[in-house]
PDB file of all heavy atoms in Angstrom:
ATOM      1  N   ARG A   1      27.237  35.742 -13.183  1.00  0.00           N
ATOM      2  CA  ARG A   1      26.495  35.041 -12.144  1.00  0.00           C
ATOM      3  C   ARG A   1      27.473  34.171 -11.356  1.00  0.00           C
ATOM      4  O   ARG A   1      28.178  33.352 -11.926  1.00  0.00           O
ATOM      5  CB  ARG A   1      25.392  34.191 -12.767  1.00  0.00           C
ATOM      6  CG  ARG A   1      24.436  33.592 -11.768  1.00  0.00           C
ATOM      7  CD  ARG A   1      23.281  32.868 -12.472  1.00  0.00           C
ATOM      8  NE  ARG A   1      22.447  33.779 -13.257  1.00  0.00           N
ATOM      9  CZ  ARG A   1      21.311  33.405 -13.830  1.00  0.00           C
ATOM     10  NH1 ARG A   1      20.858  32.168 -13.681  1.00  0.00           N
ATOM     11  NH2 ARG A   1      20.621  34.270 -14.540  1.00  0.00           N
ATOM     12  N   ASP A   2      27.493  34.346 -10.050  1.00  0.00           N
ATOM     13  CA  ASP A   2      28.451  33.655  -9.196  1.00  0.00           C
ATOM     14  C   ASP A   2      27.745  32.770  -8.172  1.00  0.00           C
ATOM     15  O   ASP A   2      26.669  33.121  -7.665  1.00  0.00           O
ATOM     16  CB  ASP A   2      29.335  34.649  -8.445  1.00  0.00           C
ATOM     17  CG  ASP A   2      30.284  35.401  -9.355  1.00  0.00           C
ATOM     18  OD1 ASP A   2      30.773  34.788 -10.323  1.00  0.00           O
ATOM     19  OD2 ASP A   2      30.537  36.587  -9.089  1.00  0.00           O
ATOM     20  N   MET A   3      28.385  31.674  -7.819  1.00  0.00           N
ATOM     21  CA  MET A   3      27.863  30.791  -6.787  1.00  0.00           C
ATOM     22  C   MET A   3      27.916  31.482  -5.434  1.00  0.00           C
ATOM     23  O   MET A   3      28.917  32.136  -5.094  1.00  0.00           O
ATOM     24  CB  MET A   3      28.672  29.496  -6.749  1.00  0.00           C
ATOM     25  CG  MET A   3      28.122  28.404  -5.839  1.00  0.00           C
ATOM     26  SD  MET A   3      28.642  28.545  -4.104  1.00  0.00           S
ATOM     27  CE  MET A   3      30.381  28.138  -4.250  1.00  0.00           C
ATOM     28  N   VAL A   4      26.849  31.319  -4.664  1.00  0.00           N
ATOM     29  CA  VAL A   4      26.800  31.841  -3.302  1.00  0.00           C
ATOM     30  C   VAL A   4      26.917  30.698  -2.300  1.00  0.00           C
ATOM     31  O   VAL A   4      27.762  30.709  -1.414  1.00  0.00           O
ATOM     32  CB  VAL A   4      25.501  32.626  -3.053  1.00  0.00           C
ATOM     33  CG1 VAL A   4      25.405  33.078  -1.595  1.00  0.00           C
ATOM     34  CG2 VAL A   4      25.397  33.808  -4.000  1.00  0.00           C
ATOM     35  N   ALA A   5      26.036  29.701  -2.451  1.00  0.00           N
ATOM     36  CA  ALA A   5      26.029  28.566  -1.534  1.00  0.00           C
ATOM     37  C   ALA A   5      25.325  27.389  -2.192  1.00  0.00           C
ATOM     38  O   ALA A   5      24.332  27.582  -2.906  1.00  0.00           O
ATOM     39  CB  ALA A   5      25.326  28.925  -0.227  1.00  0.00           C
ATOM     40  N   ILE A   6      25.858  26.196  -1.943  1.00  0.00           N
ATOM     41  CA  ILE A   6      25.302  24.959  -2.502  1.00  0.00           C
ATOM     42  C   ILE A   6      25.215  23.933  -1.377  1.00  0.00           C
ATOM     43  O   ILE A   6      26.113  23.870  -0.524  1.00  0.00           O
ATOM     44  CB  ILE A   6      26.188  24.412  -3.636  1.00  0.00           C
ATOM     45  CG1 ILE A   6      26.245  25.390  -4.804  1.00  0.00           C
ATOM     46  CG2 ILE A   6      25.678  23.052  -4.113  1.00  0.00           C
ATOM     47  CD1 ILE A   6      24.982  25.520  -5.602  1.00  0.00           C
ATOM     48  N   ILE A   7      24.153  23.135  -1.384  1.00  0.00           N
ATOM     49  CA  ILE A   7      24.019  22.043  -0.438  1.00  0.00           C
ATOM     50  C   ILE A   7      23.705  20.758  -1.191  1.00  0.00           C
ATOM     51  O   ILE A   7      22.833  20.728  -2.057  1.00  0.00           O
ATOM     52  CB  ILE A   7      22.942  22.338   0.635  1.00  0.00           C
ATOM     53  CG1 ILE A   7      22.894  21.227   1.670  1.00  0.00           C
ATOM     54  CG2 ILE A   7      21.581  22.617   0.028  1.00  0.00           C
ATOM     55  CD1 ILE A   7      22.079  21.596   2.918  1.00  0.00           C
ATOM     56  N   THR A   8      24.474  19.710  -0.853  1.00  0.00           N
ATOM     57  CA  THR A   8      24.272  18.383  -1.436  1.00  0.00           C
ATOM     58  C   THR A   8      24.388  17.388  -0.291  1.00  0.00           C
ATOM     59  O   THR A   8      25.460  17.252   0.286  1.00  0.00           O
ATOM     60  CB  THR A   8      25.333  18.076  -2.498  1.00  0.00           C
ATOM     61  OG1 THR A   8      25.388  19.137  -3.464  1.00  0.00           O
ATOM     62  CG2 THR A   8      24.992  16.775  -3.226  1.00  0.00           C
ATOM     63  N   GLY A   9      23.290  16.710   0.026  1.00  0.00           N
ATOM     64  CA  GLY A   9      23.320  15.860   1.206  1.00  0.00           C
ATOM     65  C   GLY A   9      23.646  16.684   2.432  1.00  0.00           C
ATOM     66  O   GLY A   9      23.009  17.714   2.684  1.00  0.00           O
ATOM     67  N   ASP A  10      24.664  16.286   3.164  1.00  0.00           N
ATOM     68  CA  ASP A  10      25.102  17.035   4.345  1.00  0.00           C
ATOM     69  C   ASP A  10      26.258  17.991   4.039  1.00  0.00           C
ATOM     70  O   ASP A  10      26.781  18.637   4.942  1.00  0.00           O
ATOM     71  CB  ASP A  10      25.546  16.061   5.443  1.00  0.00           C
ATOM     72  CG  ASP A  10      24.386  15.236   5.989  1.00  0.00           C
ATOM     73  OD1 ASP A  10      23.246  15.745   5.996  1.00  0.00           O
ATOM     74  OD2 ASP A  10      24.621  14.088   6.404  1.00  0.00           O
ATOM     75  N   TYR A  11      26.640  18.076   2.785  1.00  0.00           N
ATOM     76  CA  TYR A  11      27.786  18.890   2.395  1.00  0.00           C
ATOM     77  C   TYR A  11      27.328  20.264   1.936  1.00  0.00           C
ATOM     78  O   TYR A  11      26.397  20.388   1.139  1.00  0.00           O
ATOM     79  CB  TYR A  11      28.551  18.203   1.268  1.00  0.00           C
ATOM     80  CG  TYR A  11      29.670  19.022   0.706  1.00  0.00           C
ATOM     81  CD1 TYR A  11      30.877  19.146   1.388  1.00  0.00           C
ATOM     82  CD2 TYR A  11      29.530  19.678  -0.515  1.00  0.00           C
ATOM     83  CE1 TYR A  11      31.902  19.904   0.870  1.00  0.00           C
ATOM     84  CE2 TYR A  11      30.557  20.448  -1.043  1.00  0.00           C
ATOM     85  CZ  TYR A  11      31.740  20.557  -0.348  1.00  0.00           C
ATOM     86  OH  TYR A  11      32.749  21.303  -0.853  1.00  0.00           O
ATOM     87  N   THR A  12      27.977  21.294   2.459  1.00  0.00           N
ATOM     88  CA  THR A  12      27.689  22.659   2.032  1.00  0.00           C
ATOM     89  C   THR A  12      28.962  23.325   1.526  1.00  0.00           C
ATOM     90  O   THR A  12      30.063  23.027   1.992  1.00  0.00           O
ATOM     91  CB  THR A  12      27.110  23.497   3.177  1.00  0.00           C
ATOM     92  OG1 THR A  12      28.015  23.491   4.290  1.00  0.00           O
ATOM     93  CG2 THR A  12      25.767  22.959   3.634  1.00  0.00           C
ATOM     94  N   ASN A  13      28.783  24.221   0.587  1.00  0.00           N
ATOM     95  CA  ASN A  13      29.900  24.960   0.028  1.00  0.00           C
ATOM     96  C   ASN A  13      29.475  26.424  -0.100  1.00  0.00           C
ATOM     97  O   ASN A  13      28.373  26.711  -0.586  1.00  0.00           O
ATOM     98  CB  ASN A  13      30.284  24.398  -1.342  1.00  0.00           C
ATOM     99  CG  ASN A  13      31.543  25.031  -1.888  1.00  0.00           C
ATOM    100  OD1 ASN A  13      32.436  25.403  -1.131  1.00  0.00           O
ATOM    101  ND2 ASN A  13      31.625  25.159  -3.195  1.00  0.00           N
ATOM    102  N   TYR A  14      30.332  27.330   0.335  1.00  0.00           N
ATOM    103  CA  TYR A  14      30.017  28.750   0.317  1.00  0.00           C
ATOM    104  C   TYR A  14      31.086  29.534  -0.430  1.00  0.00           C
ATOM    105  O   TYR A  14      32.275  29.199  -0.385  1.00  0.00           O
ATOM    106  CB  TYR A  14      29.946  29.315   1.739  1.00  0.00           C
ATOM    107  CG  TYR A  14      28.825  28.762   2.578  1.00  0.00           C
ATOM    108  CD1 TYR A  14      29.031  27.664   3.405  1.00  0.00           C
ATOM    109  CD2 TYR A  14      27.567  29.351   2.573  1.00  0.00           C
ATOM    110  CE1 TYR A  14      28.003  27.151   4.188  1.00  0.00           C
ATOM    111  CE2 TYR A  14      26.531  28.862   3.364  1.00  0.00           C
ATOM    112  CZ  TYR A  14      26.763  27.758   4.164  1.00  0.00           C
ATOM    113  OH  TYR A  14      25.741  27.264   4.949  1.00  0.00           O
ATOM    114  N   ALA A  15      30.656  30.604  -1.064  1.00  0.00           N
ATOM    115  CA  ALA A  15      31.623  31.558  -1.593  1.00  0.00           C
ATOM    116  C   ALA A  15      32.374  32.195  -0.423  1.00  0.00           C
ATOM    117  O   ALA A  15      31.799  32.411   0.647  1.00  0.00           O
ATOM    118  CB  ALA A  15      30.909  32.635  -2.399  1.00  0.00           C
ATOM    119  N   ASP A  16      33.639  32.490  -0.628  1.00  0.00           N
ATOM    120  CA  ASP A  16      34.450  33.075   0.446  1.00  0.00           C
ATOM    121  C   ASP A  16      33.814  34.368   0.967  1.00  0.00           C
ATOM    122  O   ASP A  16      33.894  34.669   2.163  1.00  0.00           O
ATOM    123  CB  ASP A  16      35.860  33.364  -0.048  1.00  0.00           C
ATOM    124  CG  ASP A  16      36.677  32.097  -0.230  1.00  0.00           C
ATOM    125  OD1 ASP A  16      36.296  31.052   0.323  1.00  0.00           O
ATOM    126  OD2 ASP A  16      37.708  32.153  -0.935  1.00  0.00           O
ATOM    127  N   SER A  17      33.193  35.124   0.083  1.00  0.00           N
ATOM    128  CA  SER A  17      32.657  36.436   0.454  1.00  0.00           C
ATOM    129  C   SER A  17      31.467  36.355   1.413  1.00  0.00           C
ATOM    130  O   SER A  17      31.106  37.365   2.027  1.00  0.00           O
ATOM    131  CB  SER A  17      32.249  37.207  -0.793  1.00  0.00           C
ATOM    132  OG  SER A  17      31.263  36.494  -1.521  1.00  0.00           O
ATOM    133  N   VAL A  18      30.846  35.167   1.550  1.00  0.00           N
ATOM    134  CA  VAL A  18      29.665  35.052   2.409  1.00  0.00           C
ATOM    135  C   VAL A  18      29.881  34.116   3.594  1.00  0.00           C
ATOM    136  O   VAL A  18      28.989  33.989   4.439  1.00  0.00           O
ATOM    137  CB  VAL A  18      28.424  34.596   1.609  1.00  0.00           C
ATOM    138  CG1 VAL A  18      28.203  35.499   0.404  1.00  0.00           C
ATOM    139  CG2 VAL A  18      28.522  33.147   1.185  1.00  0.00           C
ATOM    140  N   LYS A  19      31.019  33.462   3.656  1.00  0.00           N
ATOM    141  CA  LYS A  19      31.289  32.529   4.759  1.00  0.00           C
ATOM    142  C   LYS A  19      31.184  33.242   6.102  1.00  0.00           C
ATOM    143  O   LYS A  19      31.713  34.337   6.278  1.00  0.00           O
ATOM    144  CB  LYS A  19      32.680  31.910   4.594  1.00  0.00           C
ATOM    145  CG  LYS A  19      32.758  30.840   3.537  1.00  0.00           C
ATOM    146  CD  LYS A  19      34.172  30.257   3.433  1.00  0.00           C
ATOM    147  CE  LYS A  19      34.236  29.190   2.352  1.00  0.00           C
ATOM    148  NZ  LYS A  19      35.615  28.664   2.176  1.00  0.00           N
ATOM    149  N   GLY A  20      30.492  32.604   7.017  1.00  0.00           N
ATOM    150  CA  GLY A  20      30.310  33.174   8.342  1.00  0.00           C
ATOM    151  C   GLY A  20      29.132  34.120   8.444  1.00  0.00           C
ATOM    152  O   GLY A  20      28.746  34.522   9.550  1.00  0.00           O
ATOM    153  N   ARG A  21      28.554  34.495   7.306  1.00  0.00           N
ATOM    154  CA  ARG A  21      27.395  35.414   7.310  1.00  0.00           C
ATOM    155  C   ARG A  21      26.127  34.741   6.777  1.00  0.00           C
ATOM    156  O   ARG A  21      25.028  35.032   7.241  1.00  0.00           O
ATOM    157  CB  ARG A  21      27.695  36.654   6.465  1.00  0.00           C
ATOM    158  CG  ARG A  21      28.895  37.453   6.946  1.00  0.00           C
ATOM    159  CD  ARG A  21      29.019  38.776   6.192  1.00  0.00           C
ATOM    160  NE  ARG A  21      29.240  38.582   4.762  1.00  0.00           N
ATOM    161  CZ  ARG A  21      28.443  39.072   3.813  1.00  0.00           C
ATOM    162  NH1 ARG A  21      27.372  39.784   4.131  1.00  0.00           N
ATOM    163  NH2 ARG A  21      28.730  38.866   2.530  1.00  0.00           N
ATOM    164  N   PHE A  22      26.274  33.874   5.781  1.00  0.00           N
ATOM    165  CA  PHE A  22      25.139  33.208   5.145  1.00  0.00           C
ATOM    166  C   PHE A  22      25.114  31.739   5.564  1.00  0.00           C
ATOM    167  O   PHE A  22      26.174  31.120   5.746  1.00  0.00           O
ATOM    168  CB  PHE A  22      25.246  33.276   3.630  1.00  0.00           C
ATOM    169  CG  PHE A  22      25.066  34.653   3.028  1.00  0.00           C
ATOM    170  CD1 PHE A  22      25.037  35.797   3.810  1.00  0.00           C
ATOM    171  CD2 PHE A  22      24.918  34.782   1.653  1.00  0.00           C
ATOM    172  CE1 PHE A  22      24.884  37.051   3.251  1.00  0.00           C
ATOM    173  CE2 PHE A  22      24.751  36.030   1.073  1.00  0.00           C
ATOM    174  CZ  PHE A  22      24.748  37.162   1.872  1.00  0.00           C
ATOM    175  N   THR A  23      23.906  31.191   5.669  1.00  0.00           N
ATOM    176  CA  THR A  23      23.733  29.781   5.977  1.00  0.00           C
ATOM    177  C   THR A  23      22.694  29.183   5.045  1.00  0.00           C
ATOM    178  O   THR A  23      21.565  29.696   4.959  1.00  0.00           O
ATOM    179  CB  THR A  23      23.288  29.580   7.432  1.00  0.00           C
ATOM    180  OG1 THR A  23      24.247  30.176   8.314  1.00  0.00           O
ATOM    181  CG2 THR A  23      23.180  28.092   7.754  1.00  0.00           C
ATOM    182  N   ILE A  24      23.061  28.107   4.378  1.00  0.00           N
ATOM    183  CA  ILE A  24      22.130  27.401   3.504  1.00  0.00           C
ATOM    184  C   ILE A  24      21.584  26.187   4.247  1.00  0.00           C
ATOM    185  O   ILE A  24      22.303  25.538   5.004  1.00  0.00           O
ATOM    186  CB  ILE A  24      22.801  26.987   2.172  1.00  0.00           C
ATOM    187  CG1 ILE A  24      21.749  26.463   1.189  1.00  0.00           C
ATOM    188  CG2 ILE A  24      23.921  25.977   2.392  1.00  0.00           C
ATOM    189  CD1 ILE A  24      22.289  26.271  -0.230  1.00  0.00           C
ATOM    190  N   SER A  25      20.291  25.918   4.040  1.00  0.00           N
ATOM    191  CA  SER A  25      19.673  24.742   4.643  1.00  0.00           C
ATOM    192  C   SER A  25      18.611  24.216   3.698  1.00  0.00           C
ATOM    193  O   SER A  25      18.212  24.896   2.744  1.00  0.00           O
ATOM    194  CB  SER A  25      19.075  25.083   6.013  1.00  0.00           C
ATOM    195  OG  SER A  25      18.070  26.069   5.888  1.00  0.00           O
ATOM    196  N   ARG A  26      18.159  23.020   4.007  1.00  0.00           N
ATOM    197  CA  ARG A  26      17.250  22.345   3.085  1.00  0.00           C
ATOM    198  C   ARG A  26      16.221  21.567   3.886  1.00  0.00           C
ATOM    199  O   ARG A  26      16.564  20.892   4.861  1.00  0.00           O
ATOM    200  CB  ARG A  26      18.071  21.401   2.205  1.00  0.00           C
ATOM    201  CG  ARG A  26      17.392  20.746   1.052  1.00  0.00           C
ATOM    202  CD  ARG A  26      18.482  20.134   0.158  1.00  0.00           C
ATOM    203  NE  ARG A  26      17.924  19.423  -0.966  1.00  0.00           N
ATOM    204  CZ  ARG A  26      18.645  18.947  -1.970  1.00  0.00           C
ATOM    205  NH1 ARG A  26      19.955  19.113  -1.980  1.00  0.00           N
ATOM    206  NH2 ARG A  26      18.073  18.299  -2.952  1.00  0.00           N
ATOM    207  N   ASP A  27      14.966  21.678   3.488  1.00  0.00           N
ATOM    208  CA  ASP A  27      13.877  20.913   4.081  1.00  0.00           C
ATOM    209  C   ASP A  27      13.339  19.994   2.993  1.00  0.00           C
ATOM    210  O   ASP A  27      12.534  20.406   2.153  1.00  0.00           O
ATOM    211  CB  ASP A  27      12.792  21.861   4.607  1.00  0.00           C
ATOM    212  CG  ASP A  27      11.700  21.127   5.363  1.00  0.00           C
ATOM    213  OD1 ASP A  27      11.505  19.911   5.131  1.00  0.00           O
ATOM    214  OD2 ASP A  27      11.011  21.767   6.168  1.00  0.00           O
ATOM    215  N   ASN A  28      13.794  18.755   2.996  1.00  0.00           N
ATOM    216  CA  ASN A  28      13.403  17.833   1.929  1.00  0.00           C
ATOM    217  C   ASN A  28      11.913  17.513   1.964  1.00  0.00           C
ATOM    218  O   ASN A  28      11.301  17.278   0.925  1.00  0.00           O
ATOM    219  CB  ASN A  28      14.235  16.554   2.019  1.00  0.00           C
ATOM    220  CG  ASN A  28      15.681  16.792   1.667  1.00  0.00           C
ATOM    221  OD1 ASN A  28      16.004  17.478   0.705  1.00  0.00           O
ATOM    222  ND2 ASN A  28      16.582  16.236   2.466  1.00  0.00           N
ATOM    223  N   ALA A  29      11.324  17.527   3.140  1.00  0.00           N
ATOM    224  CA  ALA A  29       9.893  17.235   3.250  1.00  0.00           C
ATOM    225  C   ALA A  29       9.046  18.296   2.556  1.00  0.00           C
ATOM    226  O   ALA A  29       7.953  18.024   2.067  1.00  0.00           O
ATOM    227  CB  ALA A  29       9.496  17.124   4.720  1.00  0.00           C
ATOM    228  N   LYS A  30       9.577  19.528   2.505  1.00  0.00           N
ATOM    229  CA  LYS A  30       8.859  20.637   1.880  1.00  0.00           C
ATOM    230  C   LYS A  30       9.436  21.014   0.526  1.00  0.00           C
ATOM    231  O   LYS A  30       9.008  22.009  -0.079  1.00  0.00           O
ATOM    232  CB  LYS A  30       8.867  21.852   2.805  1.00  0.00           C
ATOM    233  CG  LYS A  30       8.132  21.623   4.118  1.00  0.00           C
ATOM    234  CD  LYS A  30       8.133  22.884   4.977  1.00  0.00           C
ATOM    235  CE  LYS A  30       7.373  22.656   6.272  1.00  0.00           C
ATOM    236  NZ  LYS A  30       7.369  23.859   7.137  1.00  0.00           N
ATOM    237  N   ASN A  31      10.422  20.237   0.050  1.00  0.00           N
ATOM    238  CA  ASN A  31      11.049  20.506  -1.259  1.00  0.00           C
ATOM    239  C   ASN A  31      11.553  21.946  -1.334  1.00  0.00           C
ATOM    240  O   ASN A  31      11.399  22.620  -2.365  1.00  0.00           O
ATOM    241  CB  ASN A  31      10.059  20.251  -2.402  1.00  0.00           C
ATOM    242  CG  ASN A  31       9.451  18.870  -2.357  1.00  0.00           C
ATOM    243  OD1 ASN A  31      10.116  17.913  -1.968  1.00  0.00           O
ATOM    244  ND2 ASN A  31       8.191  18.766  -2.731  1.00  0.00           N
ATOM    245  N   THR A  32      12.149  22.420  -0.258  1.00  0.00           N
ATOM    246  CA  THR A  32      12.532  23.817  -0.166  1.00  0.00           C
ATOM    247  C   THR A  32      13.972  23.955   0.321  1.00  0.00           C
ATOM    248  O   THR A  32      14.412  23.196   1.188  1.00  0.00           O
ATOM    249  CB  THR A  32      11.590  24.565   0.800  1.00  0.00           C
ATOM    250  OG1 THR A  32      10.248  24.452   0.324  1.00  0.00           O
ATOM    251  CG2 THR A  32      11.944  26.051   0.877  1.00  0.00           C
ATOM    252  N   VAL A  33      14.674  24.921  -0.259  1.00  0.00           N
ATOM    253  CA  VAL A  33      16.002  25.279   0.205  1.00  0.00           C
ATOM    254  C   VAL A  33      15.963  26.734   0.661  1.00  0.00           C
ATOM    255  O   VAL A  33      15.249  27.554   0.076  1.00  0.00           O
ATOM    256  CB  VAL A  33      17.071  25.049  -0.883  1.00  0.00           C
ATOM    257  CG1 VAL A  33      16.848  25.949  -2.077  1.00  0.00           C
ATOM    258  CG2 VAL A  33      18.469  25.217  -0.323  1.00  0.00           C
ATOM    259  N   PHE A  34      16.697  27.015   1.719  1.00  0.00           N
ATOM    260  CA  PHE A  34      16.697  28.343   2.321  1.00  0.00           C
ATOM    261  C   PHE A  34      18.099  28.947   2.291  1.00  0.00           C
ATOM    262  O   PHE A  34      19.095  28.219   2.306  1.00  0.00           O
ATOM    263  CB  PHE A  34      16.228  28.268   3.776  1.00  0.00           C
ATOM    264  CG  PHE A  34      14.878  27.644   3.950  1.00  0.00           C
ATOM    265  CD1 PHE A  34      14.761  26.297   4.289  1.00  0.00           C
ATOM    266  CD2 PHE A  34      13.720  28.381   3.790  1.00  0.00           C
ATOM    267  CE1 PHE A  34      13.523  25.707   4.461  1.00  0.00           C
ATOM    268  CE2 PHE A  34      12.469  27.805   3.965  1.00  0.00           C
ATOM    269  CZ  PHE A  34      12.379  26.460   4.292  1.00  0.00           C
ATOM    270  N   LEU A  35      18.145  30.264   2.298  1.00  0.00           N
ATOM    271  CA  LEU A  35      19.411  30.962   2.471  1.00  0.00           C
ATOM    272  C   LEU A  35      19.201  32.049   3.516  1.00  0.00           C
ATOM    273  O   LEU A  35      18.518  33.043   3.253  1.00  0.00           O
ATOM    274  CB  LEU A  35      19.899  31.578   1.165  1.00  0.00           C
ATOM    275  CG  LEU A  35      21.284  32.212   1.228  1.00  0.00           C
ATOM    276  CD1 LEU A  35      22.359  31.136   1.456  1.00  0.00           C
ATOM    277  CD2 LEU A  35      21.590  33.004  -0.039  1.00  0.00           C
ATOM    278  N   GLN A  36      19.749  31.834   4.703  1.00  0.00           N
ATOM    279  CA  GLN A  36      19.700  32.843   5.759  1.00  0.00           C
ATOM    280  C   GLN A  36      20.891  33.770   5.584  1.00  0.00           C
ATOM    281  O   GLN A  36      22.039  33.309   5.610  1.00  0.00           O
ATOM    282  CB  GLN A  36      19.745  32.192   7.142  1.00  0.00           C
ATOM    283  CG  GLN A  36      19.740  33.183   8.291  1.00  0.00           C
ATOM    284  CD  GLN A  36      18.444  33.954   8.389  1.00  0.00           C
ATOM    285  OE1 GLN A  36      17.361  33.386   8.246  1.00  0.00           O
ATOM    286  NE2 GLN A  36      18.544  35.260   8.619  1.00  0.00           N
ATOM    287  N   MET A  37      20.617  35.045   5.381  1.00  0.00           N
ATOM    288  CA  MET A  37      21.662  36.025   5.114  1.00  0.00           C
ATOM    289  C   MET A  37      21.708  37.029   6.252  1.00  0.00           C
ATOM    290  O   MET A  37      20.736  37.771   6.472  1.00  0.00           O
ATOM    291  CB  MET A  37      21.397  36.733   3.782  1.00  0.00           C
ATOM    292  CG  MET A  37      21.241  35.783   2.616  1.00  0.00           C
ATOM    293  SD  MET A  37      21.084  36.628   1.022  1.00  0.00           S
ATOM    294  CE  MET A  37      19.515  37.469   1.240  1.00  0.00           C
ATOM    295  N   ASN A  38      22.803  37.035   6.977  1.00  0.00           N
ATOM    296  CA  ASN A  38      22.998  37.964   8.086  1.00  0.00           C
ATOM    297  C   ASN A  38      24.142  38.918   7.788  1.00  0.00           C
ATOM    298  O   ASN A  38      24.951  38.673   6.890  1.00  0.00           O
ATOM    299  CB  ASN A  38      23.304  37.181   9.372  1.00  0.00           C
ATOM    300  CG  ASN A  38      22.182  36.267   9.793  1.00  0.00           C
ATOM    301  OD1 ASN A  38      20.996  36.541   9.556  1.00  0.00           O
ATOM    302  ND2 ASN A  38      22.528  35.160  10.430  1.00  0.00           N
ATOM    303  N   SER A  39      24.196  39.991   8.543  1.00  0.00           N
ATOM    304  CA  SER A  39      25.272  40.983   8.396  1.00  0.00           C
ATOM    305  C   SER A  39      25.427  41.398   6.935  1.00  0.00           C
ATOM    306  O   SER A  39      26.533  41.442   6.397  1.00  0.00           O
ATOM    307  CB  SER A  39      26.595  40.430   8.939  1.00  0.00           C
ATOM    308  OG  SER A  39      26.477  40.056  10.293  1.00  0.00           O
ATOM    309  N   LEU A  40      24.314  41.710   6.322  1.00  0.00           N
ATOM    310  CA  LEU A  40      24.328  42.033   4.895  1.00  0.00           C
ATOM    311  C   LEU A  40      25.100  43.318   4.628  1.00  0.00           C
ATOM    312  O   LEU A  40      25.096  44.252   5.439  1.00  0.00           O
ATOM    313  CB  LEU A  40      22.905  42.152   4.372  1.00  0.00           C
ATOM    314  CG  LEU A  40      22.218  40.801   4.127  1.00  0.00           C
ATOM    315  CD1 LEU A  40      20.706  40.961   4.059  1.00  0.00           C
ATOM    316  CD2 LEU A  40      22.745  40.166   2.843  1.00  0.00           C
ATOM    317  N   LYS A  41      25.761  43.326   3.478  1.00  0.00           N
ATOM    318  CA  LYS A  41      26.578  44.456   3.042  1.00  0.00           C
ATOM    319  C   LYS A  41      26.057  44.976   1.704  1.00  0.00           C
ATOM    320  O   LYS A  41      25.435  44.222   0.942  1.00  0.00           O
ATOM    321  CB  LYS A  41      28.028  44.008   2.868  1.00  0.00           C
ATOM    322  CG  LYS A  41      28.652  43.352   4.086  1.00  0.00           C
ATOM    323  CD  LYS A  41      30.051  42.829   3.754  1.00  0.00           C
ATOM    324  CE  LYS A  41      30.677  42.140   4.951  1.00  0.00           C
ATOM    325  NZ  LYS A  41      32.041  41.610   4.625  1.00  0.00           N
ATOM    326  N   PRO A  42      26.327  46.231   1.393  1.00  0.00           N
ATOM    327  CA  PRO A  42      25.883  46.750   0.089  1.00  0.00           C
ATOM    328  C   PRO A  42      26.376  45.905  -1.084  1.00  0.00           C
ATOM    329  O   PRO A  42      25.673  45.777  -2.091  1.00  0.00           O
ATOM    330  CB  PRO A  42      26.486  48.164   0.060  1.00  0.00           C
ATOM    331  CG  PRO A  42      26.549  48.564   1.495  1.00  0.00           C
ATOM    332  CD  PRO A  42      26.896  47.305   2.243  1.00  0.00           C
ATOM    333  N   GLU A  43      27.550  45.319  -0.953  1.00  0.00           N
ATOM    334  CA  GLU A  43      28.077  44.494  -2.051  1.00  0.00           C
ATOM    335  C   GLU A  43      27.345  43.165  -2.205  1.00  0.00           C
ATOM    336  O   GLU A  43      27.603  42.425  -3.156  1.00  0.00           O
ATOM    337  CB  GLU A  43      29.581  44.243  -1.870  1.00  0.00           C
ATOM    338  CG  GLU A  43      29.994  43.725  -0.500  1.00  0.00           C
ATOM    339  CD  GLU A  43      30.462  44.838   0.430  1.00  0.00           C
ATOM    340  OE1 GLU A  43      29.802  45.915   0.470  1.00  0.00           O
ATOM    341  OE2 GLU A  43      31.472  44.619   1.130  1.00  0.00           O
ATOM    342  N   ASP A  44      26.418  42.859  -1.311  1.00  0.00           N
ATOM    343  CA  ASP A  44      25.568  41.685  -1.468  1.00  0.00           C
ATOM    344  C   ASP A  44      24.378  41.973  -2.375  1.00  0.00           C
ATOM    345  O   ASP A  44      23.618  41.054  -2.705  1.00  0.00           O
ATOM    346  CB  ASP A  44      25.048  41.204  -0.113  1.00  0.00           C
ATOM    347  CG  ASP A  44      26.150  40.691   0.795  1.00  0.00           C
ATOM    348  OD1 ASP A  44      27.041  39.961   0.313  1.00  0.00           O
ATOM    349  OD2 ASP A  44      26.116  41.009   2.009  1.00  0.00           O
ATOM    350  N   THR A  45      24.201  43.216  -2.764  1.00  0.00           N
ATOM    351  CA  THR A  45      23.100  43.591  -3.644  1.00  0.00           C
ATOM    352  C   THR A  45      23.221  42.870  -4.980  1.00  0.00           C
ATOM    353  O   THR A  45      24.254  42.935  -5.651  1.00  0.00           O
ATOM    354  CB  THR A  45      23.085  45.111  -3.864  1.00  0.00           C
ATOM    355  OG1 THR A  45      22.808  45.763  -2.616  1.00  0.00           O
ATOM    356  CG2 THR A  45      22.031  45.506  -4.887  1.00  0.00           C
ATOM    357  N   ALA A  46      22.154  42.162  -5.358  1.00  0.00           N
ATOM    358  CA  ALA A  46      22.156  41.372  -6.586  1.00  0.00           C
ATOM    359  C   ALA A  46      20.784  40.713  -6.751  1.00  0.00           C
ATOM    360  O   ALA A  46      19.961  40.745  -5.839  1.00  0.00           O
ATOM    361  CB  ALA A  46      23.241  40.301  -6.535  1.00  0.00           C
TER     362      ALA A  46
END
């Protein structure tokens, strides 16, 4: 199991393999975190 993306406050951290393609965001009012994944590749299957 590998890290993809983490958000803490305003700080985000991404795995090198997803940088520029994935975006993590957080809606604290809804207690929800999102991961927008674009330009998906077969190796993203998991």
